């Protein structure tokens, strides 16, 4: 255990699995310095203050971040980098997720549905903002993924172009699988683009009692086989932070909720580099293509 605080920038930590994961880290002897991006900063500050963690050891900074607004992502990144200063960044922790059908217009004029923007586009854009410091710090990037990546409609990545569009009418289940698949494409993209970093995608398992599940319209319960509690799901996520037994094959990046590395054939569709590049635009191309930057 080091007395030097490990620095963490994270999304999706105001409630649910992300909040529980940070809570568990705040209970450790290892000091941590957190920079957390959330929509409701005041409510989140109260929630963390209520944990009564050791402030002489740990630091929690809470900054505004709305993943449905890429300008907010840009602003958060600027503030986070300013707060980070000359320190190394040990972990980028991408937890935020949204389950929703593709009904209605895209956020801020985007041609994409909200779940795609949150689950992939915004957090991919955020990673671009930190790319330089991530590389210099040799950071670990932890992407909270899902077994749903196996359920791309018809097993055909061409369906992504249809299902992830705003107003496509695709169901929450279809959109979630599609958007989490593009997220795993992003994990592979960053694995290739930032060779100094370690990229781990991790499934927390089936966790019925989170806001993600409660607002999904999916019928989930603790009676289901393999269902896990929120603390158990958070422990699965934290294994991705501490795991040192990383496979020798750089493409084998997916850590399961039971602590094993998935064989590549399970997510073979995501290993297509052309597909990774198609769904993982450069920072400049995102800014050119998303209407929010022309407002």
C-alpha atoms as a PDB file:
ATOM      1  CA  UNK A   1       0.000   0.000   0.000  1.00  0.00           C
ATOM      2  CA  UNK A   2       1.366   3.388  -1.010  1.00  0.00           C
ATOM      3  CA  UNK A   3       0.910   6.546   1.047  1.00  0.00           C
ATOM      4  CA  UNK A   4       0.784   8.526  -2.205  1.00  0.00           C
ATOM      5  CA  UNK A   5      -2.846   9.035  -3.272  1.00  0.00           C
ATOM      6  CA  UNK A   6      -3.930   7.320  -6.446  1.00  0.00           C
ATOM      7  CA  UNK A   7      -5.839   9.692  -8.712  1.00  0.00           C
ATOM      8  CA  UNK A   8      -9.100   8.688 -10.352  1.00  0.00           C
ATOM      9  CA  UNK A   9     -11.301  10.528 -12.847  1.00  0.00           C
ATOM     10  CA  UNK A  10     -14.698   8.886 -13.140  1.00  0.00           C
ATOM     11  CA  UNK A  11     -18.168   9.095 -14.659  1.00  0.00           C
ATOM     12  CA  UNK A  12     -21.372   7.499 -13.412  1.00  0.00           C
ATOM     13  CA  UNK A  13     -20.574   7.662  -9.691  1.00  0.00           C
ATOM     14  CA  UNK A  14     -23.501   9.622  -8.256  1.00  0.00           C
ATOM     15  CA  UNK A  15     -25.498   6.469  -7.480  1.00  0.00           C
ATOM     16  CA  UNK A  16     -25.701   2.733  -8.076  1.00  0.00           C
ATOM     17  CA  UNK A  17     -22.644   0.702  -8.968  1.00  0.00           C
ATOM     18  CA  UNK A  18     -20.362   3.682  -9.494  1.00  0.00           C
ATOM     19  CA  UNK A  19     -21.210   5.235  -6.130  1.00  0.00           C
ATOM     20  CA  UNK A  20     -20.782   1.883  -4.391  1.00  0.00           C
ATOM     21  CA  UNK A  21     -17.412   1.298  -6.060  1.00  0.00           C
ATOM     22  CA  UNK A  22     -16.086   4.681  -4.916  1.00  0.00           C
ATOM     23  CA  UNK A  23     -17.555   4.044  -1.447  1.00  0.00           C
ATOM     24  CA  UNK A  24     -15.602   0.802  -1.203  1.00  0.00           C
ATOM     25  CA  UNK A  25     -12.386   2.494  -2.323  1.00  0.00           C
ATOM     26  CA  UNK A  26     -12.904   5.184   0.328  1.00  0.00           C
ATOM     27  CA  UNK A  27     -12.882   2.426   2.935  1.00  0.00           C
ATOM     28  CA  UNK A  28      -9.427   1.230   1.912  1.00  0.00           C
ATOM     29  CA  UNK A  29      -6.118   2.107   3.546  1.00  0.00           C
ATOM     30  CA  UNK A  30      -4.751   3.206   0.156  1.00  0.00           C
ATOM     31  CA  UNK A  31      -5.377   6.976  -0.215  1.00  0.00           C
ATOM     32  CA  UNK A  32      -7.374   8.115  -3.253  1.00  0.00           C
ATOM     33  CA  UNK A  33      -7.993  11.455  -4.891  1.00  0.00           C
ATOM     34  CA  UNK A  34     -11.215  11.391  -6.920  1.00  0.00           C
ATOM     35  CA  UNK A  35     -12.443  13.805  -9.579  1.00  0.00           C
ATOM     36  CA  UNK A  36     -16.032  12.800 -10.265  1.00  0.00           C
ATOM     37  CA  UNK A  37     -18.238  14.112 -13.062  1.00  0.00           C
ATOM     38  CA  UNK A  38     -21.966  14.110 -12.257  1.00  0.00           C
ATOM     39  CA  UNK A  39     -25.146  15.917 -13.322  1.00  0.00           C
ATOM     40  CA  UNK A  40     -26.442  16.830  -9.854  1.00  0.00           C
ATOM     41  CA  UNK A  41     -23.386  18.093  -8.016  1.00  0.00           C
ATOM     42  CA  UNK A  42     -25.140  19.235  -4.824  1.00  0.00           C
ATOM     43  CA  UNK A  43     -27.046  16.004  -4.266  1.00  0.00           C
ATOM     44  CA  UNK A  44     -23.907  13.995  -4.966  1.00  0.00           C
ATOM     45  CA  UNK A  45     -21.811  16.060  -2.545  1.00  0.00           C
ATOM     46  CA  UNK A  46     -24.336  15.357   0.187  1.00  0.00           C
ATOM     47  CA  UNK A  47     -24.260  11.635  -0.597  1.00  0.00           C
ATOM     48  CA  UNK A  48     -20.468  11.481  -0.312  1.00  0.00           C
ATOM     49  CA  UNK A  49     -20.384  13.693   2.772  1.00  0.00           C
ATOM     50  CA  UNK A  50     -22.801  11.266   4.414  1.00  0.00           C
ATOM     51  CA  UNK A  51     -20.222   8.495   3.998  1.00  0.00           C
ATOM     52  CA  UNK A  52     -18.036  10.316   6.536  1.00  0.00           C
ATOM     53  CA  UNK A  53     -14.846   9.011   4.958  1.00  0.00           C
ATOM     54  CA  UNK A  54     -11.397   9.961   6.241  1.00  0.00           C
ATOM     55  CA  UNK A  55     -10.785  13.347   4.612  1.00  0.00           C
ATOM     56  CA  UNK A  56      -7.212  13.397   5.909  1.00  0.00           C
ATOM     57  CA  UNK A  57      -6.519  10.447   3.628  1.00  0.00           C
ATOM     58  CA  UNK A  58      -8.966  10.729   0.715  1.00  0.00           C
ATOM     59  CA  UNK A  59     -10.179  13.631  -1.396  1.00  0.00           C
ATOM     60  CA  UNK A  60     -13.387  13.748  -3.433  1.00  0.00           C
ATOM     61  CA  UNK A  61     -13.894  16.576  -5.914  1.00  0.00           C
ATOM     62  CA  UNK A  62     -17.272  16.729  -7.644  1.00  0.00           C
ATOM     63  CA  UNK A  63     -17.635  18.613 -10.927  1.00  0.00           C
ATOM     64  CA  UNK A  64     -20.620  19.124 -13.254  1.00  0.00           C
ATOM     65  CA  UNK A  65     -20.895  16.744 -16.194  1.00  0.00           C
ATOM     66  CA  UNK A  66     -23.877  16.074 -18.451  1.00  0.00           C
ATOM     67  CA  UNK A  67     -23.033  13.252 -20.847  1.00  0.00           C
ATOM     68  CA  UNK A  68     -25.972  14.206 -23.075  1.00  0.00           C
ATOM     69  CA  UNK A  69     -24.204  17.484 -23.858  1.00  0.00           C
ATOM     70  CA  UNK A  70     -20.764  17.179 -25.459  1.00  0.00           C
ATOM     71  CA  UNK A  71     -19.977  20.789 -24.598  1.00  0.00           C
ATOM     72  CA  UNK A  72     -20.469  19.829 -20.956  1.00  0.00           C
ATOM     73  CA  UNK A  73     -18.048  16.953 -21.518  1.00  0.00           C
ATOM     74  CA  UNK A  74     -15.530  19.420 -22.936  1.00  0.00           C
ATOM     75  CA  UNK A  75     -16.002  21.775 -19.973  1.00  0.00           C
ATOM     76  CA  UNK A  76     -15.696  18.978 -17.410  1.00  0.00           C
ATOM     77  CA  UNK A  77     -12.486  17.742 -19.005  1.00  0.00           C
ATOM     78  CA  UNK A  78     -10.968  21.226 -18.884  1.00  0.00           C
ATOM     79  CA  UNK A  79     -11.849  21.602 -15.199  1.00  0.00           C
ATOM     80  CA  UNK A  80     -10.658  18.102 -14.354  1.00  0.00           C
ATOM     81  CA  UNK A  81      -7.311  18.606 -16.091  1.00  0.00           C
ATOM     82  CA  UNK A  82      -6.861  21.919 -14.280  1.00  0.00           C
ATOM     83  CA  UNK A  83      -7.540  20.242 -10.950  1.00  0.00           C
ATOM     84  CA  UNK A  84      -5.271  17.327 -11.801  1.00  0.00           C
ATOM     85  CA  UNK A  85      -2.422  19.725 -12.496  1.00  0.00           C
ATOM     86  CA  UNK A  86       0.963  18.033 -12.758  1.00  0.00           C
ATOM     87  CA  UNK A  87      -0.163  14.862 -11.010  1.00  0.00           C
ATOM     88  CA  UNK A  88      -0.328  11.561 -12.813  1.00  0.00           C
ATOM     89  CA  UNK A  89      -3.714  10.069 -13.597  1.00  0.00           C
ATOM     90  CA  UNK A  90      -3.812   6.513 -12.298  1.00  0.00           C
ATOM     91  CA  UNK A  91      -7.302   5.556 -13.466  1.00  0.00           C
ATOM     92  CA  UNK A  92      -9.976   6.710 -15.871  1.00  0.00           C
ATOM     93  CA  UNK A  93     -13.120   5.012 -14.663  1.00  0.00           C
ATOM     94  CA  UNK A  94     -15.993   4.978 -17.207  1.00  0.00           C
ATOM     95  CA  UNK A  95     -19.068   3.723 -15.351  1.00  0.00           C
ATOM     96  CA  UNK A  96     -21.960   5.832 -16.662  1.00  0.00           C
ATOM     97  CA  UNK A  97     -24.692   4.003 -18.531  1.00  0.00           C
ATOM     98  CA  UNK A  98     -28.210   4.539 -19.829  1.00  0.00           C
ATOM     99  CA  UNK A  99     -30.924   2.091 -20.849  1.00  0.00           C
ATOM    100  CA  UNK A 100     -33.563   3.706 -23.055  1.00  0.00           C
ATOM    101  CA  UNK A 101     -35.361   3.076 -26.320  1.00  0.00           C
ATOM    102  CA  UNK A 102     -34.516   5.150 -29.387  1.00  0.00           C
ATOM    103  CA  UNK A 103     -37.697   7.201 -29.330  1.00  0.00           C
ATOM    104  CA  UNK A 104     -37.629  10.948 -29.798  1.00  0.00           C
ATOM    105  CA  UNK A 105     -34.967  13.304 -31.107  1.00  0.00           C
ATOM    106  CA  UNK A 106     -31.304  13.047 -30.318  1.00  0.00           C
ATOM    107  CA  UNK A 107     -29.778  15.295 -27.642  1.00  0.00           C
ATOM    108  CA  UNK A 108     -28.881  18.791 -28.857  1.00  0.00           C
ATOM    109  CA  UNK A 109     -29.729  17.941 -32.436  1.00  0.00           C
ATOM    110  CA  UNK A 110     -27.571  14.824 -32.630  1.00  0.00           C
ATOM    111  CA  UNK A 111     -28.613  12.227 -35.167  1.00  0.00           C
ATOM    112  CA  UNK A 112     -27.947   9.610 -32.484  1.00  0.00           C
ATOM    113  CA  UNK A 113     -30.223   8.413 -29.687  1.00  0.00           C
ATOM    114  CA  UNK A 114     -29.578   9.340 -26.061  1.00  0.00           C
ATOM    115  CA  UNK A 115     -28.375   5.902 -24.939  1.00  0.00           C
ATOM    116  CA  UNK A 116     -25.723   5.813 -27.654  1.00  0.00           C
ATOM    117  CA  UNK A 117     -24.510   9.298 -26.749  1.00  0.00           C
ATOM    118  CA  UNK A 118     -24.191   8.398 -23.054  1.00  0.00           C
ATOM    119  CA  UNK A 119     -22.914   4.841 -23.377  1.00  0.00           C
ATOM    120  CA  UNK A 120     -20.332   5.476 -26.058  1.00  0.00           C
ATOM    121  CA  UNK A 121     -20.029   8.793 -27.883  1.00  0.00           C
ATOM    122  CA  UNK A 122     -19.718  11.142 -24.891  1.00  0.00           C
ATOM    123  CA  UNK A 123     -17.343   8.923 -22.927  1.00  0.00           C
ATOM    124  CA  UNK A 124     -15.260   8.266 -26.039  1.00  0.00           C
ATOM    125  CA  UNK A 125     -15.064  12.028 -26.570  1.00  0.00           C
ATOM    126  CA  UNK A 126     -14.121  12.443 -22.908  1.00  0.00           C
ATOM    127  CA  UNK A 127     -11.286   9.945 -23.284  1.00  0.00           C
ATOM    128  CA  UNK A 128      -9.960  11.994 -26.197  1.00  0.00           C
ATOM    129  CA  UNK A 129      -9.719  14.990 -23.852  1.00  0.00           C
ATOM    130  CA  UNK A 130      -7.505  13.039 -21.469  1.00  0.00           C
ATOM    131  CA  UNK A 131      -5.527  11.056 -24.052  1.00  0.00           C
ATOM    132  CA  UNK A 132      -2.247  12.916 -23.575  1.00  0.00           C
ATOM    133  CA  UNK A 133      -2.199  12.669 -19.792  1.00  0.00           C
ATOM    134  CA  UNK A 134      -3.423   9.068 -19.920  1.00  0.00           C
ATOM    135  CA  UNK A 135      -0.496   8.108 -22.128  1.00  0.00           C
ATOM    136  CA  UNK A 136       2.061  10.044 -20.081  1.00  0.00           C
ATOM    137  CA  UNK A 137       0.700   8.557 -16.839  1.00  0.00           C
ATOM    138  CA  UNK A 138       0.481   5.015 -18.215  1.00  0.00           C
ATOM    139  CA  UNK A 139      -3.011   4.953 -16.759  1.00  0.00           C
ATOM    140  CA  UNK A 140      -5.476   2.130 -16.488  1.00  0.00           C
ATOM    141  CA  UNK A 141      -8.751   2.762 -18.325  1.00  0.00           C
ATOM    142  CA  UNK A 142     -11.625   0.786 -16.835  1.00  0.00           C
ATOM    143  CA  UNK A 143     -14.723   0.498 -19.029  1.00  0.00           C
ATOM    144  CA  UNK A 144     -17.822  -0.893 -17.339  1.00  0.00           C
ATOM    145  CA  UNK A 145     -19.270  -3.128 -20.013  1.00  0.00           C
ATOM    146  CA  UNK A 146     -21.957  -5.800 -20.176  1.00  0.00           C
ATOM    147  CA  UNK A 147     -22.611  -9.283 -21.459  1.00  0.00           C
ATOM    148  CA  UNK A 148     -25.207  -7.562 -23.662  1.00  0.00           C
ATOM    149  CA  UNK A 149     -22.421  -6.884 -26.179  1.00  0.00           C
ATOM    150  CA  UNK A 150     -23.134 -10.404 -27.473  1.00  0.00           C
ATOM    151  CA  UNK A 151     -26.678  -9.460 -28.464  1.00  0.00           C
ATOM    152  CA  UNK A 152     -26.235  -7.111 -31.417  1.00  0.00           C
ATOM    153  CA  UNK A 153     -29.372  -7.496 -33.495  1.00  0.00           C
ATOM    154  CA  UNK A 154     -29.105 -10.402 -35.939  1.00  0.00           C
ATOM    155  CA  UNK A 155     -25.426 -10.636 -35.003  1.00  0.00           C
ATOM    156  CA  UNK A 156     -24.852  -8.034 -37.704  1.00  0.00           C
ATOM    157  CA  UNK A 157     -22.929  -4.811 -36.936  1.00  0.00           C
ATOM    158  CA  UNK A 158     -24.673  -3.153 -39.898  1.00  0.00           C
ATOM    159  CA  UNK A 159     -27.808  -2.969 -37.730  1.00  0.00           C
ATOM    160  CA  UNK A 160     -26.009  -0.450 -35.501  1.00  0.00           C
ATOM    161  CA  UNK A 161     -26.400   2.208 -38.196  1.00  0.00           C
ATOM    162  CA  UNK A 162     -30.169   1.780 -37.944  1.00  0.00           C
ATOM    163  CA  UNK A 163     -30.842   1.000 -34.281  1.00  0.00           C
ATOM    164  CA  UNK A 164     -28.674   3.728 -32.734  1.00  0.00           C
ATOM    165  CA  UNK A 165     -30.187   6.596 -34.697  1.00  0.00           C
ATOM    166  CA  UNK A 166     -32.544   9.018 -32.944  1.00  0.00           C
ATOM    167  CA  UNK A 167     -36.195   8.159 -33.588  1.00  0.00           C
ATOM    168  CA  UNK A 168     -35.311   4.671 -34.849  1.00  0.00           C
ATOM    169  CA  UNK A 169     -37.907   3.184 -32.545  1.00  0.00           C
ATOM    170  CA  UNK A 170     -35.531   0.424 -31.458  1.00  0.00           C
ATOM    171  CA  UNK A 171     -36.384  -1.045 -28.068  1.00  0.00           C
ATOM    172  CA  UNK A 172     -34.386  -0.378 -24.920  1.00  0.00           C
ATOM    173  CA  UNK A 173     -32.956  -3.893 -25.003  1.00  0.00           C
ATOM    174  CA  UNK A 174     -31.825  -3.567 -28.639  1.00  0.00           C
ATOM    175  CA  UNK A 175     -30.339  -0.106 -28.113  1.00  0.00           C
ATOM    176  CA  UNK A 176     -28.539  -1.145 -24.939  1.00  0.00           C
ATOM    177  CA  UNK A 177     -26.883  -4.113 -26.638  1.00  0.00           C
ATOM    178  CA  UNK A 178     -25.951  -2.006 -29.662  1.00  0.00           C
ATOM    179  CA  UNK A 179     -24.582   0.933 -27.669  1.00  0.00           C
ATOM    180  CA  UNK A 180     -22.599  -1.280 -25.295  1.00  0.00           C
ATOM    181  CA  UNK A 181     -21.166  -3.040 -28.343  1.00  0.00           C
ATOM    182  CA  UNK A 182     -19.943   0.289 -29.716  1.00  0.00           C
ATOM    183  CA  UNK A 183     -18.493   0.982 -26.268  1.00  0.00           C
ATOM    184  CA  UNK A 184     -16.422  -2.225 -26.435  1.00  0.00           C
ATOM    185  CA  UNK A 185     -15.286  -1.145 -29.897  1.00  0.00           C
ATOM    186  CA  UNK A 186     -14.103   2.018 -28.152  1.00  0.00           C
ATOM    187  CA  UNK A 187     -12.212   0.010 -25.531  1.00  0.00           C
ATOM    188  CA  UNK A 188     -10.321  -1.771 -28.306  1.00  0.00           C
ATOM    189  CA  UNK A 189      -9.726   1.542 -30.094  1.00  0.00           C
ATOM    190  CA  UNK A 190      -8.092   3.028 -26.994  1.00  0.00           C
ATOM    191  CA  UNK A 191      -6.129  -0.159 -26.367  1.00  0.00           C
ATOM    192  CA  UNK A 192      -4.618   0.318 -29.815  1.00  0.00           C
ATOM    193  CA  UNK A 193      -4.288   4.120 -29.637  1.00  0.00           C
ATOM    194  CA  UNK A 194      -2.780   4.333 -26.143  1.00  0.00           C
ATOM    195  CA  UNK A 195      -0.299   1.433 -25.967  1.00  0.00           C
ATOM    196  CA  UNK A 196       1.208   2.843 -22.755  1.00  0.00           C
ATOM    197  CA  UNK A 197      -2.118   2.320 -20.980  1.00  0.00           C
ATOM    198  CA  UNK A 198      -3.913  -0.764 -19.761  1.00  0.00           C
ATOM    199  CA  UNK A 199      -7.518  -0.990 -20.946  1.00  0.00           C
ATOM    200  CA  UNK A 200      -9.882  -3.343 -19.138  1.00  0.00           C
ATOM    201  CA  UNK A 201     -13.543  -3.854 -19.962  1.00  0.00           C
ATOM    202  CA  UNK A 202     -15.470  -5.416 -17.091  1.00  0.00           C
ATOM    203  CA  UNK A 203     -18.970  -6.754 -16.549  1.00  0.00           C
ATOM    204  CA  UNK A 204     -20.439  -6.205 -13.073  1.00  0.00           C
ATOM    205  CA  UNK A 205     -22.901  -9.028 -13.708  1.00  0.00           C
ATOM    206  CA  UNK A 206     -26.684  -9.002 -13.494  1.00  0.00           C
ATOM    207  CA  UNK A 207     -27.522  -6.284 -10.952  1.00  0.00           C
ATOM    208  CA  UNK A 208     -31.309  -5.750 -10.683  1.00  0.00           C
ATOM    209  CA  UNK A 209     -31.278  -3.114  -7.927  1.00  0.00           C
ATOM    210  CA  UNK A 210     -29.775  -0.128  -9.726  1.00  0.00           C
ATOM    211  CA  UNK A 211     -31.339   2.940 -11.305  1.00  0.00           C
ATOM    212  CA  UNK A 212     -30.114   1.648 -14.655  1.00  0.00           C
ATOM    213  CA  UNK A 213     -32.341  -1.397 -14.317  1.00  0.00           C
ATOM    214  CA  UNK A 214     -35.227   0.426 -12.636  1.00  0.00           C
ATOM    215  CA  UNK A 215     -35.691   2.832 -15.543  1.00  0.00           C
ATOM    216  CA  UNK A 216     -35.064   0.330 -18.308  1.00  0.00           C
ATOM    217  CA  UNK A 217     -38.483  -1.272 -18.543  1.00  0.00           C
ATOM    218  CA  UNK A 218     -36.691  -4.617 -18.291  1.00  0.00           C
ATOM    219  CA  UNK A 219     -38.096  -7.087 -15.785  1.00  0.00           C
ATOM    220  CA  UNK A 220     -35.156  -7.824 -13.494  1.00  0.00           C
ATOM    221  CA  UNK A 221     -35.244  -9.259  -9.977  1.00  0.00           C
ATOM    222  CA  UNK A 222     -32.943 -10.768  -7.385  1.00  0.00           C
ATOM    223  CA  UNK A 223     -34.706 -14.080  -7.965  1.00  0.00           C
ATOM    224  CA  UNK A 224     -33.055 -14.400 -11.369  1.00  0.00           C
ATOM    225  CA  UNK A 225     -30.158 -16.860 -11.763  1.00  0.00           C
ATOM    226  CA  UNK A 226     -26.757 -15.207 -11.197  1.00  0.00           C
ATOM    227  CA  UNK A 227     -28.309 -11.965  -9.873  1.00  0.00           C
ATOM    228  CA  UNK A 228     -25.891  -9.976  -7.722  1.00  0.00           C
ATOM    229  CA  UNK A 229     -26.302  -7.218  -5.158  1.00  0.00           C
ATOM    230  CA  UNK A 230     -24.991  -3.719  -5.833  1.00  0.00           C
ATOM    231  CA  UNK A 231     -22.009  -4.228  -3.457  1.00  0.00           C
ATOM    232  CA  UNK A 232     -21.167  -7.493  -5.240  1.00  0.00           C
ATOM    233  CA  UNK A 233     -21.381  -5.763  -8.621  1.00  0.00           C
ATOM    234  CA  UNK A 234     -19.084  -3.007  -7.398  1.00  0.00           C
ATOM    235  CA  UNK A 235     -16.576  -5.606  -6.226  1.00  0.00           C
ATOM    236  CA  UNK A 236     -16.589  -7.085  -9.723  1.00  0.00           C
ATOM    237  CA  UNK A 237     -15.809  -3.653 -11.147  1.00  0.00           C
ATOM    238  CA  UNK A 238     -13.012  -3.040  -8.660  1.00  0.00           C
ATOM    239  CA  UNK A 239     -11.306  -6.253  -9.725  1.00  0.00           C
ATOM    240  CA  UNK A 240     -10.637  -4.475 -13.023  1.00  0.00           C
ATOM    241  CA  UNK A 241      -8.697  -1.844 -11.101  1.00  0.00           C
ATOM    242  CA  UNK A 242      -6.603  -4.232  -9.058  1.00  0.00           C
ATOM    243  CA  UNK A 243      -6.153  -7.136 -11.506  1.00  0.00           C
ATOM    244  CA  UNK A 244      -2.528  -7.734 -12.390  1.00  0.00           C
ATOM    245  CA  UNK A 245      -3.021 -11.059 -14.166  1.00  0.00           C
ATOM    246  CA  UNK A 246      -3.702  -9.364 -17.487  1.00  0.00           C
ATOM    247  CA  UNK A 247      -3.648 -11.792 -20.430  1.00  0.00           C
ATOM    248  CA  UNK A 248      -0.615 -11.776 -22.706  1.00  0.00           C
ATOM    249  CA  UNK A 249      -2.901 -11.374 -25.722  1.00  0.00           C
ATOM    250  CA  UNK A 250      -3.641  -7.611 -25.934  1.00  0.00           C
ATOM    251  CA  UNK A 251      -7.040  -8.275 -27.507  1.00  0.00           C
ATOM    252  CA  UNK A 252      -8.224 -10.242 -24.473  1.00  0.00           C
ATOM    253  CA  UNK A 253      -9.479  -7.318 -22.403  1.00  0.00           C
ATOM    254  CA  UNK A 254     -12.853  -8.431 -21.035  1.00  0.00           C
ATOM    255  CA  UNK A 255     -13.005  -9.366 -17.329  1.00  0.00           C
ATOM    256  CA  UNK A 256     -16.165 -11.230 -16.357  1.00  0.00           C
ATOM    257  CA  UNK A 257     -18.173 -10.732 -13.178  1.00  0.00           C
ATOM    258  CA  UNK A 258     -16.851 -14.059 -11.887  1.00  0.00           C
ATOM    259  CA  UNK A 259     -13.260 -12.901 -12.263  1.00  0.00           C
ATOM    260  CA  UNK A 260     -12.210 -14.721 -15.434  1.00  0.00           C
ATOM    261  CA  UNK A 261     -11.030 -13.317 -18.751  1.00  0.00           C
ATOM    262  CA  UNK A 262     -13.500 -14.011 -21.532  1.00  0.00           C
ATOM    263  CA  UNK A 263     -12.025 -15.851 -24.528  1.00  0.00           C
ATOM    264  CA  UNK A 264     -11.957 -13.649 -27.618  1.00  0.00           C
ATOM    265  CA  UNK A 265     -14.444 -15.727 -29.550  1.00  0.00           C
ATOM    266  CA  UNK A 266     -17.191 -14.438 -27.223  1.00  0.00           C
ATOM    267  CA  UNK A 267     -16.721 -10.896 -28.564  1.00  0.00           C
ATOM    268  CA  UNK A 268     -15.127 -11.703 -31.909  1.00  0.00           C
ATOM    269  CA  UNK A 269     -17.281  -9.152 -33.766  1.00  0.00           C
ATOM    270  CA  UNK A 270     -15.649  -6.319 -31.826  1.00  0.00           C
ATOM    271  CA  UNK A 271     -12.120  -7.244 -32.946  1.00  0.00           C
ATOM    272  CA  UNK A 272     -12.653  -5.820 -36.445  1.00  0.00           C
ATOM    273  CA  UNK A 273     -10.312  -2.811 -36.544  1.00  0.00           C
ATOM    274  CA  UNK A 274     -12.197  -1.188 -39.420  1.00  0.00           C
ATOM    275  CA  UNK A 275     -15.372  -1.387 -37.345  1.00  0.00           C
ATOM    276  CA  UNK A 276     -13.558   0.070 -34.338  1.00  0.00           C
ATOM    277  CA  UNK A 277     -12.345   3.005 -36.417  1.00  0.00           C
ATOM    278  CA  UNK A 278     -15.787   3.566 -37.944  1.00  0.00           C
ATOM    279  CA  UNK A 279     -17.462   3.983 -34.540  1.00  0.00           C
ATOM    280  CA  UNK A 280     -14.581   5.742 -32.783  1.00  0.00           C
ATOM    281  CA  UNK A 281     -14.202   9.128 -34.443  1.00  0.00           C
ATOM    282  CA  UNK A 282     -11.379  11.530 -33.718  1.00  0.00           C
ATOM    283  CA  UNK A 283     -12.040  14.438 -31.388  1.00  0.00           C
ATOM    284  CA  UNK A 284     -12.033  16.815 -34.347  1.00  0.00           C
ATOM    285  CA  UNK A 285     -14.493  14.719 -36.348  1.00  0.00           C
ATOM    286  CA  UNK A 286     -16.874  14.517 -33.394  1.00  0.00           C
ATOM    287  CA  UNK A 287     -16.783  18.298 -33.060  1.00  0.00           C
ATOM    288  CA  UNK A 288     -17.429  18.710 -36.784  1.00  0.00           C
ATOM    289  CA  UNK A 289     -20.317  16.234 -36.881  1.00  0.00           C
ATOM    290  CA  UNK A 290     -22.249  16.999 -33.679  1.00  0.00           C
ATOM    291  CA  UNK A 291     -24.637  19.984 -33.948  1.00  0.00           C
ATOM    292  CA  UNK A 292     -24.072  21.011 -30.307  1.00  0.00           C
ATOM    293  CA  UNK A 293     -20.718  22.460 -31.352  1.00  0.00           C
ATOM    294  CA  UNK A 294     -22.384  24.645 -33.974  1.00  0.00           C
ATOM    295  CA  UNK A 295     -24.902  26.163 -31.532  1.00  0.00           C
END
